[in-house]
Amino acid sequence: MDPLTAERLKQLLDKEHIKEVLVSYCRGVDRCEWGLVREAYHEDAYDDHGGYKGNVDGFIEWLERRHKTIEQSMHFIGNCKIDFLSDQVAVVETYCVAYQRYGQEALETIKLWLGDEPLQPGKKVVVELVCRYIDRMEYRKGVWKIASRIVAIEDVKASQQVDRLQPIWALAKRDRSDALWQMLSGSANAKG
């Protein structure tokens, strides 16, 4: 293989590894698997997440506290532009839309989204956050991880909605009872 092809192949594989870090981060947040979140960051990483700015340990503590009252969370990542500054450093811009649902138990957080408007009986607060992750990814000890992150907020929408979820559906869970973990363990009854 000629050197140019070998370099392009290496960059392609590096891009896939970087994208896997981003997707694993999202799974970690949405499923409250804080170990997956931690794995996305180098130990000395810095995160500017709007409401939190600091090291990765503090960030995970902040996330855990914040997500205790979030009934449901779903991150959808889209455009992902990876610019290599060297073979060990990349700047990664990833578009993200996060959907979160809050109930009565999150009254303090709900005030952040709705102000003094009371939560109506039988309704949930649904928040849609549109942002971009601006990451400095570094390749250390054979792995790509986040060294520094800035979350650039584009828009936030919050509304009260009637809970339309049906108990017959496989409802998303934020713990190991979620269908994902059943499928990964081979215990899900997959019929098709």
Protein backbone atom coordinates (compact mmCIF):
# COMPACT_ATOMS: atom_id res chain seq x y z
CA MET A 1 0.00 0.00 0.00
CA ASP A 2 1.40 3.38 -0.94
CA PRO A 3 1.93 5.98 1.87
CA LEU A 4 -0.89 8.30 0.74
CA THR A 5 -3.45 5.46 0.74
CA ALA A 6 -2.17 4.26 4.12
CA GLU A 7 -2.58 7.78 5.57
CA ARG A 8 -6.11 8.12 4.16
CA LEU A 9 -7.05 4.71 5.57
CA LYS A 10 -5.68 5.70 8.99
CA GLN A 11 -7.70 8.95 8.94
CA LEU A 12 -10.84 7.05 7.96
CA LEU A 13 -10.38 4.63 10.87
CA ASP A 14 -9.60 7.52 13.23
CA LYS A 15 -12.82 9.27 12.17
CA GLU A 16 -14.83 6.12 12.93
CA HIS A 17 -13.21 5.85 16.36
CA ILE A 18 -14.01 9.50 17.09
CA LYS A 19 -17.64 9.06 16.03
CA GLU A 20 -17.90 5.97 18.26
CA VAL A 21 -16.75 8.07 21.23
CA LEU A 22 -19.51 10.60 20.48
CA VAL A 23 -22.23 7.97 20.13
CA SER A 24 -21.12 6.17 23.31
CA TYR A 25 -21.20 9.48 25.18
CA CYS A 26 -24.83 10.00 24.08
CA ARG A 27 -25.80 6.47 25.10
CA GLY A 28 -24.15 7.01 28.46
CA VAL A 29 -26.12 10.20 29.16
CA ASP A 30 -29.44 8.85 27.89
CA ARG A 31 -29.20 5.52 29.73
CA CYS A 32 -27.60 7.05 32.89
CA GLU A 33 -24.51 4.91 32.34
CA TRP A 34 -21.99 7.33 33.80
CA GLY A 35 -19.06 4.99 33.14
CA LEU A 36 -19.71 5.34 29.39
CA VAL A 37 -19.70 9.11 29.77
CA ARG A 38 -16.42 8.99 31.68
CA GLU A 39 -14.85 6.75 28.99
CA ALA A 40 -15.47 9.48 26.40
CA TYR A 41 -13.08 11.88 28.18
CA HIS A 42 -9.40 11.94 28.99
CA GLU A 43 -8.81 12.14 32.76
CA ASP A 44 -7.65 15.78 32.58
CA ALA A 45 -10.47 16.87 30.24
CA TYR A 46 -12.38 20.14 30.55
CA ASP A 47 -16.09 20.53 29.75
CA ASP A 48 -18.01 23.78 29.22
CA HIS A 49 -21.60 22.51 29.21
CA GLY A 50 -23.30 25.85 29.81
CA GLY A 51 -24.54 25.10 33.34
CA TYR A 52 -21.26 23.42 34.26
CA LYS A 53 -17.69 24.40 33.48
CA GLY A 54 -14.86 22.31 34.87
CA ASN A 55 -13.17 18.93 35.03
CA VAL A 56 -14.69 15.60 34.01
CA ASP A 57 -15.28 14.35 37.59
CA GLY A 58 -17.30 17.43 38.45
CA PHE A 59 -19.10 17.23 35.14
CA ILE A 60 -20.26 13.66 35.78
CA GLU A 61 -21.40 14.57 39.32
CA TRP A 62 -23.35 17.50 37.82
CA LEU A 63 -24.91 15.24 35.16
CA GLU A 64 -25.94 12.62 37.72
CA ARG A 65 -27.67 15.23 39.92
CA ARG A 66 -29.36 16.89 36.96
CA HIS A 67 -30.58 13.66 35.36
CA LYS A 68 -32.15 12.26 38.53
CA THR A 69 -35.32 14.21 37.71
CA ILE A 70 -35.28 13.77 33.94
CA GLU A 71 -37.78 11.06 33.05
CA GLN A 72 -36.45 10.60 29.54
CA SER A 73 -33.47 11.82 27.56
CA MET A 74 -32.58 11.25 23.93
CA HIS A 75 -29.61 12.76 22.11
CA PHE A 76 -29.61 12.71 18.34
CA ILE A 77 -26.31 13.60 16.71
CA GLY A 78 -26.08 14.60 13.08
CA ASN A 79 -23.47 16.46 11.06
CA CYS A 80 -20.01 15.62 12.32
CA LYS A 81 -17.05 17.47 10.79
CA ILE A 82 -13.64 16.25 11.88
CA ASP A 83 -10.62 18.46 11.17
CA PHE A 84 -7.27 16.86 11.99
CA LEU A 85 -4.72 19.33 13.32
CA SER A 86 -2.17 16.51 13.50
CA ASP A 87 -2.23 12.72 13.66
CA GLN A 88 -2.99 13.01 17.42
CA VAL A 89 -5.29 16.06 17.61
CA ALA A 90 -8.62 16.76 15.94
CA VAL A 91 -11.24 19.48 16.27
CA VAL A 92 -14.69 17.94 15.95
CA GLU A 93 -17.93 19.87 15.41
CA THR A 94 -21.02 17.71 15.96
CA TYR A 95 -24.62 18.90 15.64
CA CYS A 96 -26.92 17.61 18.38
CA VAL A 97 -30.60 17.74 19.28
CA ALA A 98 -31.49 16.56 22.79
CA TYR A 99 -35.04 15.81 23.84
CA GLN A 100 -35.83 15.56 27.56
CA ARG A 101 -39.05 14.99 29.49
CA TYR A 102 -39.68 16.19 33.03
CA GLY A 103 -42.55 15.44 35.42
CA GLN A 104 -43.79 16.91 38.73
CA GLU A 105 -40.71 15.65 40.62
CA ALA A 106 -38.55 18.12 38.68
CA LEU A 107 -40.30 21.30 39.82
CA GLU A 108 -37.07 23.26 40.40
CA THR A 109 -35.73 22.36 36.97
CA ILE A 110 -39.11 23.02 35.36
CA LYS A 111 -38.94 26.60 36.65
CA LEU A 112 -35.77 27.01 34.60
CA TRP A 113 -37.72 26.12 31.45
CA LEU A 114 -41.20 27.54 32.18
CA GLY A 115 -40.51 30.38 34.61
CA ASP A 116 -43.46 30.94 36.96
CA GLU A 117 -45.91 29.08 34.72
CA PRO A 118 -47.23 26.14 36.80
CA LEU A 119 -47.09 22.60 35.46
CA GLN A 120 -50.65 21.62 34.60
CA PRO A 121 -52.03 18.33 36.03
CA GLY A 122 -51.40 15.35 33.75
CA LYS A 123 -48.81 17.19 31.70
CA LYS A 124 -45.07 16.84 31.32
CA VAL A 125 -42.49 19.41 30.31
CA VAL A 126 -40.72 18.49 27.09
CA VAL A 127 -37.49 20.31 26.32
CA GLU A 128 -35.77 20.35 22.94
CA LEU A 129 -32.20 21.60 23.07
CA VAL A 130 -30.37 22.27 19.80
CA CYS A 131 -26.61 22.58 20.14
CA ARG A 132 -23.21 21.80 18.70
CA TYR A 133 -20.47 19.91 20.50
CA ILE A 134 -17.14 21.58 19.74
CA ASP A 135 -14.55 19.03 20.86
CA ARG A 136 -10.80 18.90 20.93
CA MET A 137 -10.15 15.19 20.59
CA GLU A 138 -6.74 13.79 21.35
CA TYR A 139 -5.21 10.42 20.57
CA ARG A 140 -3.41 9.19 23.67
CA LYS A 141 -2.37 5.69 24.71
CA GLY A 142 -3.97 4.25 21.58
CA VAL A 143 -7.43 5.84 21.95
CA TRP A 144 -9.27 8.97 20.85
CA LYS A 145 -11.07 10.83 23.65
CA ILE A 146 -12.36 14.30 24.42
CA ALA A 147 -9.69 16.59 25.87
CA SER A 148 -11.87 19.71 25.86
CA ARG A 149 -15.52 20.34 25.02
CA ILE A 150 -17.60 23.46 24.51
CA VAL A 151 -21.35 23.04 24.03
CA ALA A 152 -22.52 25.86 21.75
CA ILE A 153 -26.27 26.34 22.33
CA GLU A 154 -28.31 27.17 19.23
CA ASP A 155 -31.85 27.09 20.65
CA VAL A 156 -33.99 25.76 23.52
CA LYS A 157 -37.71 25.09 23.36
CA ALA A 158 -39.86 23.98 26.29
CA SER A 159 -43.55 23.14 26.31
CA GLN A 160 -46.15 21.38 28.41
CA GLN A 161 -47.55 18.29 26.76
CA VAL A 162 -50.02 15.58 27.65
CA ASP A 163 -48.30 12.27 28.33
CA ARG A 164 -49.30 10.13 25.33
CA LEU A 165 -47.16 7.10 26.12
CA GLN A 166 -49.02 3.79 26.10
CA PRO A 167 -48.15 1.06 28.62
CA ILE A 168 -48.31 -1.60 25.89
CA TRP A 169 -45.27 -0.04 24.17
CA ALA A 170 -41.68 -0.93 25.02
CA LEU A 171 -41.07 2.31 26.89
CA ALA A 172 -37.55 3.66 27.16
CA LYS A 173 -35.95 3.28 30.59
CA ARG A 174 -32.95 5.09 31.98
CA ASP A 175 -31.49 2.03 33.69
CA ARG A 176 -30.57 -1.59 32.94
CA SER A 177 -34.24 -2.54 32.44
CA ASP A 178 -34.20 -0.72 29.08
CA ALA A 179 -34.78 -2.88 25.99
CA LEU A 180 -31.21 -2.14 24.83
CA TRP A 181 -29.66 -4.06 27.72
CA GLN A 182 -32.11 -6.94 27.29
CA MET A 183 -31.19 -7.20 23.61
CA LEU A 184 -27.45 -6.98 24.32
CA SER A 185 -27.71 -9.73 26.94
CA GLY A 186 -29.66 -11.95 24.55
CA SER A 187 -32.69 -12.05 26.87
CA ALA A 188 -35.01 -9.96 24.66
CA ASN A 189 -37.74 -11.83 22.87
CA ALA A 190 -37.07 -10.58 19.34
CA LYS A 191 -39.80 -11.65 16.96
CA GLY A 192 -40.12 -10.34 13.49
